[in-house]
Every structure is written in structure tokens, then in C-alpha cells.
Amino acid sequence: MDCDDCLDKLYTFLDKELAPTERTAVAQHLSDCGDCEDNFGFEERFLEVLRDCGTADIAPRELRERVAERLRRTPPPPTL
């Protein structure tokens, strides 16, 4: 497995959606390749933070206000 293959499979690896043989190949490449291991560490932390941020049932007030303002400024699509 080369770096391109590893990076192509990184998210499915992180989501534990790879077949066992592919999972083993990616894990082996990550242990052998410092660059890919760094990418893996970053993406793993990114997904953890993303999951932590998505735990609220209601979007923050500032986000709701920005979305509402954008909806007010954007004209509706033409009807057919």
C-alpha cells in the first residue's frame, strides 16, 4: 500500500468500515509511514472534536441568527 491508497481509505479506516484485510494493510502502512501517521492523528482528532461539537440538540443562537439572515437575503428559487 502506498500513501495515496492509505489516504484514500483513511476515513473508512477511522469509521471502522474497512474489511479486515484492508484494515490491517492501512494499519501497517500507518505504523511504517510517519507522514501518513501524522495525517491519521490529525484526522482522528478532527473527527473527535467534530463529534464533541455535534452533541447539542439545538444549534447555537449565533448560528441560527446567521442562517436566518442568509435565508432572508437569498431570493427563493424560481417555481416551475
N, C-alpha and C. Protein backbone atom coordinates (compact mmCIF):
# COMPACT_ATOMS: atom_id res chain seq x y z
N MET A 1 0.85 -1.17 0.00
CA MET A 1 0.00 0.00 0.00
C MET A 1 0.90 1.23 0.00
N ASP A 2 0.55 2.21 -0.84
CA ASP A 2 1.30 3.46 -0.85
C ASP A 2 0.50 4.55 -0.13
N CYS A 3 1.08 5.73 -0.01
CA CYS A 3 0.46 6.81 0.74
C CYS A 3 -0.89 7.23 0.14
N ASP A 4 -0.99 7.28 -1.18
CA ASP A 4 -2.25 7.66 -1.81
C ASP A 4 -3.36 6.68 -1.46
N ASP A 5 -3.05 5.38 -1.52
CA ASP A 5 -4.04 4.37 -1.15
C ASP A 5 -4.46 4.53 0.31
N CYS A 6 -3.48 4.75 1.15
CA CYS A 6 -3.75 4.90 2.58
C CYS A 6 -4.66 6.10 2.83
N LEU A 7 -4.34 7.23 2.23
CA LEU A 7 -5.15 8.43 2.44
C LEU A 7 -6.55 8.28 1.87
N ASP A 8 -6.68 7.55 0.77
CA ASP A 8 -8.00 7.30 0.19
C ASP A 8 -8.88 6.50 1.15
N LYS A 9 -8.26 5.67 1.97
CA LYS A 9 -9.02 4.79 2.86
C LYS A 9 -9.04 5.28 4.31
N LEU A 10 -8.49 6.45 4.55
CA LEU A 10 -8.32 6.91 5.91
C LEU A 10 -9.64 7.08 6.66
N TYR A 11 -10.63 7.72 6.03
CA TYR A 11 -11.90 7.94 6.73
C TYR A 11 -12.66 6.64 6.94
N THR A 12 -12.62 5.75 5.97
CA THR A 12 -13.28 4.46 6.18
C THR A 12 -12.55 3.66 7.25
N PHE A 13 -11.25 3.84 7.34
CA PHE A 13 -10.47 3.21 8.41
C PHE A 13 -10.90 3.78 9.76
N LEU A 14 -10.97 5.11 9.85
CA LEU A 14 -11.37 5.75 11.10
C LEU A 14 -12.80 5.38 11.50
N ASP A 15 -13.65 5.18 10.53
CA ASP A 15 -15.04 4.80 10.80
C ASP A 15 -15.22 3.30 11.00
N LYS A 16 -14.10 2.56 10.93
CA LYS A 16 -14.10 1.10 11.11
C LYS A 16 -15.02 0.40 10.10
N GLU A 17 -14.95 0.88 8.85
CA GLU A 17 -15.79 0.33 7.79
C GLU A 17 -15.00 -0.47 6.76
N LEU A 18 -13.73 -0.72 7.00
CA LEU A 18 -12.93 -1.50 6.06
C LEU A 18 -13.01 -2.98 6.38
N ALA A 19 -12.83 -3.77 5.35
CA ALA A 19 -12.72 -5.22 5.54
C ALA A 19 -11.45 -5.49 6.35
N PRO A 20 -11.41 -6.59 7.08
CA PRO A 20 -10.26 -6.87 7.94
C PRO A 20 -8.91 -6.82 7.22
N THR A 21 -8.83 -7.34 6.01
CA THR A 21 -7.54 -7.33 5.30
C THR A 21 -7.12 -5.90 4.95
N GLU A 22 -8.08 -5.07 4.51
CA GLU A 22 -7.76 -3.67 4.20
C GLU A 22 -7.39 -2.92 5.47
N ARG A 23 -8.11 -3.18 6.53
CA ARG A 23 -7.83 -2.52 7.82
C ARG A 23 -6.40 -2.84 8.28
N THR A 24 -6.01 -4.09 8.14
CA THR A 24 -4.66 -4.49 8.51
C THR A 24 -3.62 -3.79 7.64
N ALA A 25 -3.89 -3.69 6.33
CA ALA A 25 -2.94 -3.05 5.42
C ALA A 25 -2.79 -1.57 5.75
N VAL A 26 -3.89 -0.89 6.04
CA VAL A 26 -3.82 0.53 6.39
C VAL A 26 -3.07 0.70 7.71
N ALA A 27 -3.41 -0.11 8.69
CA ALA A 27 -2.74 -0.02 9.99
C ALA A 27 -1.23 -0.24 9.85
N GLN A 28 -0.85 -1.20 9.02
CA GLN A 28 0.57 -1.47 8.80
C GLN A 28 1.25 -0.28 8.14
N HIS A 29 0.59 0.30 7.13
CA HIS A 29 1.17 1.45 6.45
C HIS A 29 1.31 2.62 7.43
N LEU A 30 0.29 2.84 8.27
CA LEU A 30 0.36 3.93 9.24
C LEU A 30 1.51 3.74 10.22
N SER A 31 1.76 2.51 10.60
CA SER A 31 2.86 2.26 11.54
C SER A 31 4.22 2.43 10.88
N ASP A 32 4.28 2.27 9.55
CA ASP A 32 5.54 2.38 8.81
C ASP A 32 5.81 3.78 8.26
N CYS A 33 4.78 4.60 8.11
CA CYS A 33 4.90 5.89 7.42
C CYS A 33 4.56 7.04 8.36
N GLY A 34 5.56 7.80 8.73
CA GLY A 34 5.35 8.91 9.65
C GLY A 34 4.43 9.98 9.10
N ASP A 35 4.53 10.27 7.80
CA ASP A 35 3.66 11.30 7.21
C ASP A 35 2.19 10.89 7.29
N CYS A 36 1.90 9.66 6.91
CA CYS A 36 0.51 9.19 6.96
C CYS A 36 0.03 9.06 8.39
N GLU A 37 0.93 8.67 9.29
CA GLU A 37 0.55 8.58 10.70
C GLU A 37 0.20 9.97 11.24
N ASP A 38 0.93 11.00 10.82
CA ASP A 38 0.60 12.36 11.22
C ASP A 38 -0.77 12.77 10.69
N ASN A 39 -1.03 12.46 9.41
CA ASN A 39 -2.35 12.76 8.83
C ASN A 39 -3.45 12.03 9.59
N PHE A 40 -3.20 10.77 9.91
CA PHE A 40 -4.17 9.98 10.65
C PHE A 40 -4.46 10.64 12.01
N GLY A 41 -3.41 11.03 12.72
CA GLY A 41 -3.59 11.66 14.03
C GLY A 41 -4.41 12.93 13.94
N PHE A 42 -4.12 13.75 12.93
CA PHE A 42 -4.88 14.99 12.74
C PHE A 42 -6.34 14.69 12.45
N GLU A 43 -6.60 13.79 11.51
CA GLU A 43 -7.98 13.48 11.12
C GLU A 43 -8.74 12.82 12.27
N GLU A 44 -8.07 11.99 13.04
CA GLU A 44 -8.71 11.36 14.19
C GLU A 44 -9.13 12.41 15.22
N ARG A 45 -8.22 13.36 15.51
CA ARG A 45 -8.55 14.44 16.45
C ARG A 45 -9.66 15.32 15.89
N PHE A 46 -9.61 15.61 14.59
CA PHE A 46 -10.63 16.42 13.94
C PHE A 46 -12.01 15.79 14.12
N LEU A 47 -12.11 14.49 13.86
CA LEU A 47 -13.40 13.81 14.00
C LEU A 47 -13.87 13.79 15.45
N GLU A 48 -12.95 13.64 16.38
CA GLU A 48 -13.33 13.67 17.80
C GLU A 48 -13.91 15.02 18.18
N VAL A 49 -13.25 16.10 17.75
CA VAL A 49 -13.74 17.45 18.05
C VAL A 49 -15.09 17.67 17.37
N LEU A 50 -15.20 17.23 16.14
CA LEU A 50 -16.46 17.37 15.41
C LEU A 50 -17.59 16.65 16.14
N ARG A 51 -17.33 15.44 16.59
CA ARG A 51 -18.36 14.69 17.34
C ARG A 51 -18.73 15.41 18.63
N ASP A 52 -17.72 15.95 19.31
CA ASP A 52 -17.98 16.67 20.56
C ASP A 52 -18.82 17.92 20.31
N CYS A 53 -18.58 18.58 19.20
CA CYS A 53 -19.33 19.80 18.87
C CYS A 53 -20.76 19.50 18.45
N GLY A 54 -21.02 18.32 18.00
CA GLY A 54 -22.35 17.98 17.49
C GLY A 54 -23.25 17.34 18.52
N THR A 55 -22.93 17.49 19.80
CA THR A 55 -23.73 16.82 20.81
C THR A 55 -24.96 17.62 21.24
N ALA A 56 -25.02 18.89 20.92
CA ALA A 56 -26.16 19.71 21.32
C ALA A 56 -27.35 19.44 20.41
N ASP A 57 -28.54 19.46 20.99
CA ASP A 57 -29.75 19.25 20.21
C ASP A 57 -30.15 20.51 19.44
N ILE A 58 -29.72 21.66 19.92
CA ILE A 58 -30.09 22.93 19.31
C ILE A 58 -28.83 23.66 18.89
N ALA A 59 -28.84 24.22 17.68
CA ALA A 59 -27.69 24.99 17.20
C ALA A 59 -27.52 26.24 18.07
N PRO A 60 -26.30 26.71 18.23
CA PRO A 60 -26.09 27.94 19.00
C PRO A 60 -26.87 29.11 18.40
N ARG A 61 -27.25 30.03 19.27
CA ARG A 61 -28.07 31.17 18.85
C ARG A 61 -27.41 31.94 17.71
N GLU A 62 -26.09 32.15 17.79
CA GLU A 62 -25.40 32.91 16.75
C GLU A 62 -25.51 32.23 15.39
N LEU A 63 -25.39 30.92 15.38
CA LEU A 63 -25.51 30.18 14.13
C LEU A 63 -26.93 30.28 13.59
N ARG A 64 -27.93 30.11 14.44
CA ARG A 64 -29.32 30.22 13.98
C ARG A 64 -29.59 31.60 13.39
N GLU A 65 -29.04 32.65 14.03
CA GLU A 65 -29.24 34.01 13.53
C GLU A 65 -28.57 34.20 12.18
N ARG A 66 -27.35 33.69 12.01
CA ARG A 66 -26.65 33.82 10.73
C ARG A 66 -27.40 33.09 9.62
N VAL A 67 -27.89 31.90 9.91
CA VAL A 67 -28.64 31.14 8.90
C VAL A 67 -29.92 31.87 8.55
N ALA A 68 -30.63 32.35 9.55
CA ALA A 68 -31.88 33.08 9.29
C ALA A 68 -31.62 34.32 8.45
N GLU A 69 -30.57 35.05 8.75
CA GLU A 69 -30.23 36.25 7.98
C GLU A 69 -29.90 35.90 6.54
N ARG A 70 -29.15 34.84 6.35
CA ARG A 70 -28.81 34.43 4.98
C ARG A 70 -30.07 34.01 4.22
N LEU A 71 -30.97 33.32 4.88
CA LEU A 71 -32.21 32.92 4.23
C LEU A 71 -33.04 34.15 3.85
N ARG A 72 -33.03 35.17 4.70
CA ARG A 72 -33.78 36.39 4.38
C ARG A 72 -33.19 37.11 3.17
N ARG A 73 -31.86 37.08 3.03
CA ARG A 73 -31.18 37.79 1.92
C ARG A 73 -31.20 37.01 0.61
N THR A 74 -31.38 35.72 0.68
CA THR A 74 -31.31 34.89 -0.52
C THR A 74 -32.71 34.76 -1.12
N PRO A 75 -32.86 35.16 -2.39
CA PRO A 75 -34.18 35.03 -3.00
C PRO A 75 -34.55 33.55 -3.19
N PRO A 76 -35.83 33.24 -3.07
CA PRO A 76 -36.24 31.85 -3.26
C PRO A 76 -36.01 31.43 -4.70
N PRO A 77 -35.80 30.14 -4.93
CA PRO A 77 -35.61 29.67 -6.31
C PRO A 77 -36.91 29.86 -7.11
N PRO A 78 -36.79 30.04 -8.40
CA PRO A 78 -38.00 30.19 -9.23
C PRO A 78 -38.84 28.90 -9.20
N THR A 79 -40.13 29.09 -9.22
CA THR A 79 -41.02 27.93 -9.25
C THR A 79 -41.26 27.50 -10.70
N LEU A 80 -41.45 26.27 -10.89
CA LEU A 80 -41.66 25.75 -12.26
C LEU A 80 -43.10 25.67 -12.60
